[in-house]
Amino acid sequence: MKIYVDFDDCLCETAKSFSDLVVGLFDIHVPYDNMKYFNLQKTFSLTDEQYEHMMIEGHKPEVLLSYDETPGASTTINSWIDKGIDVSIITGRPASAYEPSRQWLDEHNLERVNLFCLDKYGRDNFIKGSSFTLKLEDYYKMHFDYAVEDSPMAFGFFSHLPELKVLVYDRPWNRDCEFPEGDFRRCNDWETIRNIVG
């Protein structure tokens, strides 16, 4: 069995950290529960300049390393690996964030998972020849039985896998979205995800 797991807001509480970050940067207060859009520029009503500044600050190594783990994530993933399940973290973070992201995983007892950077959102410059960046054509050759994802913008990356079971981690920005055709199930926590996968 092979499982795809997204990083931000599946493994760690990125949006909650960004909510705090924009308070410090711009004195803009948008509580986590009011973050209705995956697009953070829209969520926080930022100018292009503010958005770029926020993204630079939010991807600094010390900030990436400070994100809290989503409760139950590492325990569940390690239980899968112990059963022989192949788990890959497929993140939309820029490739420049790979090293601190890898360090975060290692510090949260997820040394055994593979980490790949995939330009899901058209934000990244691909690093040629690296072992951790995926071109879209290479990603589309991969097979997964389950996917854990929170972003409605990423759901389109599953259309090539008609048998895939997508476990949508419940977040404010995906509560009003319509799921594409296929097997999409909303999950409120990692315990629910673990019970579904087995």
C-alpha atoms as a PDB file:
ATOM      1  CA  MET A   1       0.000   0.000   0.000  1.00  0.00           C
ATOM      2  CA  LYS A   2       1.150   3.549  -0.768  1.00  0.00           C
ATOM      3  CA  ILE A   3      -0.060   6.726   0.923  1.00  0.00           C
ATOM      4  CA  TYR A   4       0.355  10.369  -0.096  1.00  0.00           C
ATOM      5  CA  VAL A   5       0.378  12.869   2.783  1.00  0.00           C
ATOM      6  CA  ASP A   6       0.412  16.634   2.380  1.00  0.00           C
ATOM      7  CA  PHE A   7       2.648  18.584   4.772  1.00  0.00           C
ATOM      8  CA  ASP A   8       1.065  21.915   5.735  1.00  0.00           C
ATOM      9  CA  ASP A   9      -2.138  21.686   7.764  1.00  0.00           C
ATOM     10  CA  CYS A  10      -2.078  17.894   7.601  1.00  0.00           C
ATOM     11  CA  LEU A  11       1.181  17.205   9.437  1.00  0.00           C
ATOM     12  CA  CYS A  12       1.562  20.600  11.088  1.00  0.00           C
ATOM     13  CA  GLU A  13      -0.460  23.653  12.037  1.00  0.00           C
ATOM     14  CA  THR A  14       0.826  26.045   9.394  1.00  0.00           C
ATOM     15  CA  ALA A  15      -2.270  28.227   9.010  1.00  0.00           C
ATOM     16  CA  LYS A  16      -2.472  28.886  12.734  1.00  0.00           C
ATOM     17  CA  SER A  17       1.141  30.085  12.634  1.00  0.00           C
ATOM     18  CA  PHE A  18       0.434  32.318   9.624  1.00  0.00           C
ATOM     19  CA  SER A  19      -2.547  33.810  11.462  1.00  0.00           C
ATOM     20  CA  ASP A  20      -0.146  34.859  14.231  1.00  0.00           C
ATOM     21  CA  LEU A  21       2.516  35.931  11.727  1.00  0.00           C
ATOM     22  CA  VAL A  22       0.322  38.493   9.936  1.00  0.00           C
ATOM     23  CA  VAL A  23      -0.610  40.057  13.265  1.00  0.00           C
ATOM     24  CA  GLY A  24       3.068  40.728  13.927  1.00  0.00           C
ATOM     25  CA  LEU A  25       3.867  41.818  10.384  1.00  0.00           C
ATOM     26  CA  PHE A  26       0.851  43.919   9.465  1.00  0.00           C
ATOM     27  CA  ASP A  27      -1.400  44.088  12.556  1.00  0.00           C
ATOM     28  CA  ILE A  28      -4.030  42.160  10.573  1.00  0.00           C
ATOM     29  CA  HIS A  29      -6.195  39.947  12.770  1.00  0.00           C
ATOM     30  CA  VAL A  30      -7.905  36.970  11.107  1.00  0.00           C
ATOM     31  CA  PRO A  31      -8.566  34.169  13.611  1.00  0.00           C
ATOM     32  CA  TYR A  32      -7.876  30.644  12.389  1.00  0.00           C
ATOM     33  CA  ASP A  33     -11.579  29.707  12.308  1.00  0.00           C
ATOM     34  CA  ASN A  34     -12.223  32.650   9.954  1.00  0.00           C
ATOM     35  CA  MET A  35      -9.601  31.547   7.410  1.00  0.00           C
ATOM     36  CA  LYS A  36     -12.157  30.708   4.721  1.00  0.00           C
ATOM     37  CA  TYR A  37      -9.792  30.666   1.725  1.00  0.00           C
ATOM     38  CA  PHE A  38      -6.797  28.470   0.984  1.00  0.00           C
ATOM     39  CA  ASN A  39      -5.395  31.510  -0.822  1.00  0.00           C
ATOM     40  CA  LEU A  40      -3.733  33.330   2.069  1.00  0.00           C
ATOM     41  CA  GLN A  41      -3.500  36.592   0.156  1.00  0.00           C
ATOM     42  CA  LYS A  42      -7.286  36.583  -0.113  1.00  0.00           C
ATOM     43  CA  THR A  43      -7.787  35.343   3.461  1.00  0.00           C
ATOM     44  CA  PHE A  44      -5.741  38.194   4.938  1.00  0.00           C
ATOM     45  CA  SER A  45      -6.633  40.820   2.253  1.00  0.00           C
ATOM     46  CA  LEU A  46      -2.956  41.446   1.509  1.00  0.00           C
ATOM     47  CA  THR A  47      -1.406  43.511  -1.238  1.00  0.00           C
ATOM     48  CA  ASP A  48       0.999  41.694  -3.578  1.00  0.00           C
ATOM     49  CA  GLU A  49       3.915  43.230  -1.696  1.00  0.00           C
ATOM     50  CA  GLN A  50       2.548  42.183   1.703  1.00  0.00           C
ATOM     51  CA  TYR A  51       1.834  38.665   0.461  1.00  0.00           C
ATOM     52  CA  GLU A  52       5.356  38.250  -0.877  1.00  0.00           C
ATOM     53  CA  HIS A  53       6.804  39.530   2.408  1.00  0.00           C
ATOM     54  CA  MET A  54       4.596  37.165   4.427  1.00  0.00           C
ATOM     55  CA  MET A  55       5.597  34.161   2.318  1.00  0.00           C
ATOM     56  CA  ILE A  56       9.297  34.960   2.685  1.00  0.00           C
ATOM     57  CA  GLU A  57       8.951  35.330   6.458  1.00  0.00           C
ATOM     58  CA  GLY A  58       6.772  32.227   6.772  1.00  0.00           C
ATOM     59  CA  HIS A  59       9.300  30.052   4.939  1.00  0.00           C
ATOM     60  CA  LYS A  60      12.357  31.061   6.940  1.00  0.00           C
ATOM     61  CA  PRO A  61      13.952  27.917   8.453  1.00  0.00           C
ATOM     62  CA  GLU A  62      13.403  28.974  12.047  1.00  0.00           C
ATOM     63  CA  VAL A  63       9.715  29.623  11.325  1.00  0.00           C
ATOM     64  CA  LEU A  64       9.198  26.333   9.487  1.00  0.00           C
ATOM     65  CA  LEU A  65      10.814  24.485  12.374  1.00  0.00           C
ATOM     66  CA  SER A  66       8.513  26.167  14.905  1.00  0.00           C
ATOM     67  CA  TYR A  67       5.227  24.793  13.523  1.00  0.00           C
ATOM     68  CA  ASP A  68       3.291  22.572  15.918  1.00  0.00           C
ATOM     69  CA  GLU A  69       2.561  19.011  14.866  1.00  0.00           C
ATOM     70  CA  THR A  70      -1.060  18.202  14.090  1.00  0.00           C
ATOM     71  CA  PRO A  71      -2.009  15.852  16.962  1.00  0.00           C
ATOM     72  CA  GLY A  72      -1.607  12.185  16.099  1.00  0.00           C
ATOM     73  CA  ALA A  73       0.136  12.665  12.756  1.00  0.00           C
ATOM     74  CA  SER A  74       3.535  11.128  13.516  1.00  0.00           C
ATOM     75  CA  THR A  75       2.077   8.297  15.609  1.00  0.00           C
ATOM     76  CA  THR A  76      -0.304   7.328  12.813  1.00  0.00           C
ATOM     77  CA  ILE A  77       2.297   7.542  10.056  1.00  0.00           C
ATOM     78  CA  ASN A  78       4.806   5.498  12.029  1.00  0.00           C
ATOM     79  CA  SER A  79       2.165   2.838  12.666  1.00  0.00           C
ATOM     80  CA  TRP A  80       1.658   2.594   8.896  1.00  0.00           C
ATOM     81  CA  ILE A  81       5.374   2.321   8.218  1.00  0.00           C
ATOM     82  CA  ASP A  82       5.655  -0.394  10.873  1.00  0.00           C
ATOM     83  CA  LYS A  83       3.079  -2.354   8.847  1.00  0.00           C
ATOM     84  CA  GLY A  84       5.139  -1.999   5.671  1.00  0.00           C
ATOM     85  CA  ILE A  85       3.084   0.820   4.156  1.00  0.00           C
ATOM     86  CA  ASP A  86       5.021   3.216   1.900  1.00  0.00           C
ATOM     87  CA  VAL A  87       4.358   6.818   2.969  1.00  0.00           C
ATOM     88  CA  SER A  88       5.434   9.845   0.911  1.00  0.00           C
ATOM     89  CA  ILE A  89       5.062  13.453   1.981  1.00  0.00           C
ATOM     90  CA  ILE A  90       4.227  15.455  -1.149  1.00  0.00           C
ATOM     91  CA  THR A  91       4.435  19.139  -0.269  1.00  0.00           C
ATOM     92  CA  GLY A  92       3.668  22.287  -2.211  1.00  0.00           C
ATOM     93  CA  ARG A  93       6.378  24.110  -0.277  1.00  0.00           C
ATOM     94  CA  PRO A  94       9.131  25.589  -2.441  1.00  0.00           C
ATOM     95  CA  ALA A  95      12.183  23.426  -2.944  1.00  0.00           C
ATOM     96  CA  SER A  96      14.199  26.014  -1.013  1.00  0.00           C
ATOM     97  CA  ALA A  97      12.254  24.904   2.081  1.00  0.00           C
ATOM     98  CA  TYR A  98      13.323  21.269   1.725  1.00  0.00           C
ATOM     99  CA  GLU A  99      16.114  21.217   4.337  1.00  0.00           C
ATOM    100  CA  PRO A 100      14.137  22.704   7.261  1.00  0.00           C
ATOM    101  CA  SER A 101      11.119  20.629   6.234  1.00  0.00           C
ATOM    102  CA  ARG A 102      13.233  17.481   6.312  1.00  0.00           C
ATOM    103  CA  GLN A 103      14.635  18.555   9.682  1.00  0.00           C
ATOM    104  CA  TRP A 104      11.114  19.128  11.035  1.00  0.00           C
ATOM    105  CA  LEU A 105      10.110  15.608   9.996  1.00  0.00           C
ATOM    106  CA  ASP A 106      13.213  14.118  11.592  1.00  0.00           C
ATOM    107  CA  GLU A 107      12.608  16.035  14.821  1.00  0.00           C
ATOM    108  CA  HIS A 108       9.054  14.661  14.919  1.00  0.00           C
ATOM    109  CA  ASN A 109      10.160  11.031  14.581  1.00  0.00           C
ATOM    110  CA  LEU A 110       9.334  10.843  10.877  1.00  0.00           C
ATOM    111  CA  GLU A 111      12.825  10.017   9.670  1.00  0.00           C
ATOM    112  CA  ARG A 112      11.537   7.078   7.615  1.00  0.00           C
ATOM    113  CA  VAL A 113       9.164   8.995   5.344  1.00  0.00           C
ATOM    114  CA  ASN A 114      10.104  10.246   1.892  1.00  0.00           C
ATOM    115  CA  LEU A 115       9.697  13.986   1.298  1.00  0.00           C
ATOM    116  CA  PHE A 116       9.103  15.446  -2.156  1.00  0.00           C
ATOM    117  CA  CYS A 117       8.537  19.046  -3.238  1.00  0.00           C
ATOM    118  CA  LEU A 118       5.949  19.328  -6.010  1.00  0.00           C
ATOM    119  CA  ASP A 119       5.100  22.715  -7.481  1.00  0.00           C
ATOM    120  CA  LYS A 120       1.366  22.317  -6.855  1.00  0.00           C
ATOM    121  CA  TYR A 121       0.595  26.029  -6.963  1.00  0.00           C
ATOM    122  CA  GLY A 122       2.918  27.497  -9.600  1.00  0.00           C
ATOM    123  CA  ARG A 123       5.110  29.251  -7.037  1.00  0.00           C
ATOM    124  CA  ASP A 124       8.413  27.434  -7.339  1.00  0.00           C
ATOM    125  CA  ASN A 125      11.524  27.197  -9.438  1.00  0.00           C
ATOM    126  CA  PHE A 126      12.284  23.548 -10.044  1.00  0.00           C
ATOM    127  CA  ILE A 127      15.706  22.391  -8.839  1.00  0.00           C
ATOM    128  CA  LYS A 128      17.044  20.186 -11.599  1.00  0.00           C
ATOM    129  CA  GLY A 129      18.820  16.986 -10.666  1.00  0.00           C
ATOM    130  CA  SER A 130      17.694  16.935  -7.052  1.00  0.00           C
ATOM    131  CA  SER A 131      16.344  13.786  -5.431  1.00  0.00           C
ATOM    132  CA  PHE A 132      13.495  15.604  -3.700  1.00  0.00           C
ATOM    133  CA  THR A 133      11.785  17.736  -6.358  1.00  0.00           C
ATOM    134  CA  LEU A 134       9.140  16.153  -8.527  1.00  0.00           C
ATOM    135  CA  LYS A 135       8.275  17.258 -12.032  1.00  0.00           C
ATOM    136  CA  LEU A 136       4.570  16.948 -12.731  1.00  0.00           C
ATOM    137  CA  GLU A 137       5.149  14.210 -15.285  1.00  0.00           C
ATOM    138  CA  ASP A 138       7.062  12.178 -12.690  1.00  0.00           C
ATOM    139  CA  TYR A 139       4.380  12.749 -10.065  1.00  0.00           C
ATOM    140  CA  TYR A 140       1.704  11.513 -12.470  1.00  0.00           C
ATOM    141  CA  LYS A 141       3.598   8.229 -12.824  1.00  0.00           C
ATOM    142  CA  MET A 142       3.288   7.601  -9.082  1.00  0.00           C
ATOM    143  CA  HIS A 143       0.520   5.443  -7.629  1.00  0.00           C
ATOM    144  CA  PHE A 144      -1.196   5.902  -4.276  1.00  0.00           C
ATOM    145  CA  ASP A 145      -3.995   4.036  -2.539  1.00  0.00           C
ATOM    146  CA  TYR A 146      -4.829   6.842  -0.096  1.00  0.00           C
ATOM    147  CA  ALA A 147      -4.120  10.560   0.044  1.00  0.00           C
ATOM    148  CA  VAL A 148      -4.344  12.889   3.046  1.00  0.00           C
ATOM    149  CA  GLU A 149      -4.841  16.464   1.796  1.00  0.00           C
ATOM    150  CA  ASP A 150      -6.483  19.689   2.990  1.00  0.00           C
ATOM    151  CA  SER A 151      -6.213  21.963  -0.051  1.00  0.00           C
ATOM    152  CA  PRO A 152      -9.073  22.194  -2.544  1.00  0.00           C
ATOM    153  CA  MET A 153      -6.507  23.526  -5.021  1.00  0.00           C
ATOM    154  CA  ALA A 154      -4.632  20.213  -4.812  1.00  0.00           C
ATOM    155  CA  PHE A 155      -7.610  17.919  -5.399  1.00  0.00           C
ATOM    156  CA  GLY A 156      -7.047  18.144  -9.147  1.00  0.00           C
ATOM    157  CA  PHE A 157      -3.731  16.363  -8.742  1.00  0.00           C
ATOM    158  CA  PHE A 158      -5.620  13.133  -7.993  1.00  0.00           C
ATOM    159  CA  SER A 159      -7.673  12.837 -11.189  1.00  0.00           C
ATOM    160  CA  HIS A 160      -5.200  10.337 -12.708  1.00  0.00           C
ATOM    161  CA  LEU A 161      -5.927   7.860  -9.888  1.00  0.00           C
ATOM    162  CA  PRO A 162      -9.625   6.885 -10.157  1.00  0.00           C
ATOM    163  CA  GLU A 163      -9.358   4.298  -7.351  1.00  0.00           C
ATOM    164  CA  LEU A 164      -7.660   6.701  -4.935  1.00  0.00           C
ATOM    165  CA  LYS A 165      -9.332   7.285  -1.572  1.00  0.00           C
ATOM    166  CA  VAL A 166      -8.824  10.932  -0.600  1.00  0.00           C
ATOM    167  CA  LEU A 167      -9.031  11.712   3.113  1.00  0.00           C
ATOM    168  CA  VAL A 168      -9.705  15.436   3.363  1.00  0.00           C
ATOM    169  CA  TYR A 169      -8.328  16.880   6.587  1.00  0.00           C
ATOM    170  CA  ASP A 170     -11.076  19.183   7.793  1.00  0.00           C
ATOM    171  CA  ARG A 171     -10.019  22.842   7.768  1.00  0.00           C
ATOM    172  CA  PRO A 172     -11.999  26.113   7.585  1.00  0.00           C
ATOM    173  CA  TRP A 173     -10.947  26.726   3.950  1.00  0.00           C
ATOM    174  CA  ASN A 174     -12.276  23.391   2.663  1.00  0.00           C
ATOM    175  CA  ARG A 175     -15.610  23.230   4.495  1.00  0.00           C
ATOM    176  CA  ASP A 176     -17.615  24.920   1.752  1.00  0.00           C
ATOM    177  CA  CYS A 177     -15.855  23.336  -1.226  1.00  0.00           C
ATOM    178  CA  GLU A 178     -17.464  20.771  -3.482  1.00  0.00           C
ATOM    179  CA  PHE A 179     -15.412  17.614  -3.816  1.00  0.00           C
ATOM    180  CA  PRO A 180     -14.602  16.363  -7.308  1.00  0.00           C
ATOM    181  CA  GLU A 181     -15.935  13.030  -8.485  1.00  0.00           C
ATOM    182  CA  GLY A 182     -14.272  10.156  -6.700  1.00  0.00           C
ATOM    183  CA  ASP A 183     -13.852   8.821  -3.179  1.00  0.00           C
ATOM    184  CA  PHE A 184     -13.415  11.918  -1.001  1.00  0.00           C
ATOM    185  CA  ARG A 185     -14.064  11.676   2.742  1.00  0.00           C
ATOM    186  CA  ARG A 186     -13.836  14.458   5.292  1.00  0.00           C
ATOM    187  CA  CYS A 187     -11.786  13.608   8.393  1.00  0.00           C
ATOM    188  CA  ASN A 188     -11.678  15.686  11.566  1.00  0.00           C
ATOM    189  CA  ASP A 189      -8.482  14.224  13.015  1.00  0.00           C
ATOM    190  CA  TRP A 190      -5.704  11.680  12.587  1.00  0.00           C
ATOM    191  CA  GLU A 191      -7.550   9.105  14.682  1.00  0.00           C
ATOM    192  CA  THR A 192     -10.325   9.071  12.077  1.00  0.00           C
ATOM    193  CA  ILE A 193      -7.760   8.758   9.280  1.00  0.00           C
ATOM    194  CA  ARG A 194      -6.020   5.910  11.069  1.00  0.00           C
ATOM    195  CA  ASN A 195      -9.305   4.038  11.559  1.00  0.00           C
ATOM    196  CA  ILE A 196     -10.177   4.352   7.853  1.00  0.00           C
ATOM    197  CA  VAL A 197      -6.806   3.158   6.566  1.00  0.00           C
ATOM    198  CA  GLY A 198      -6.461   0.463   9.227  1.00  0.00           C
END
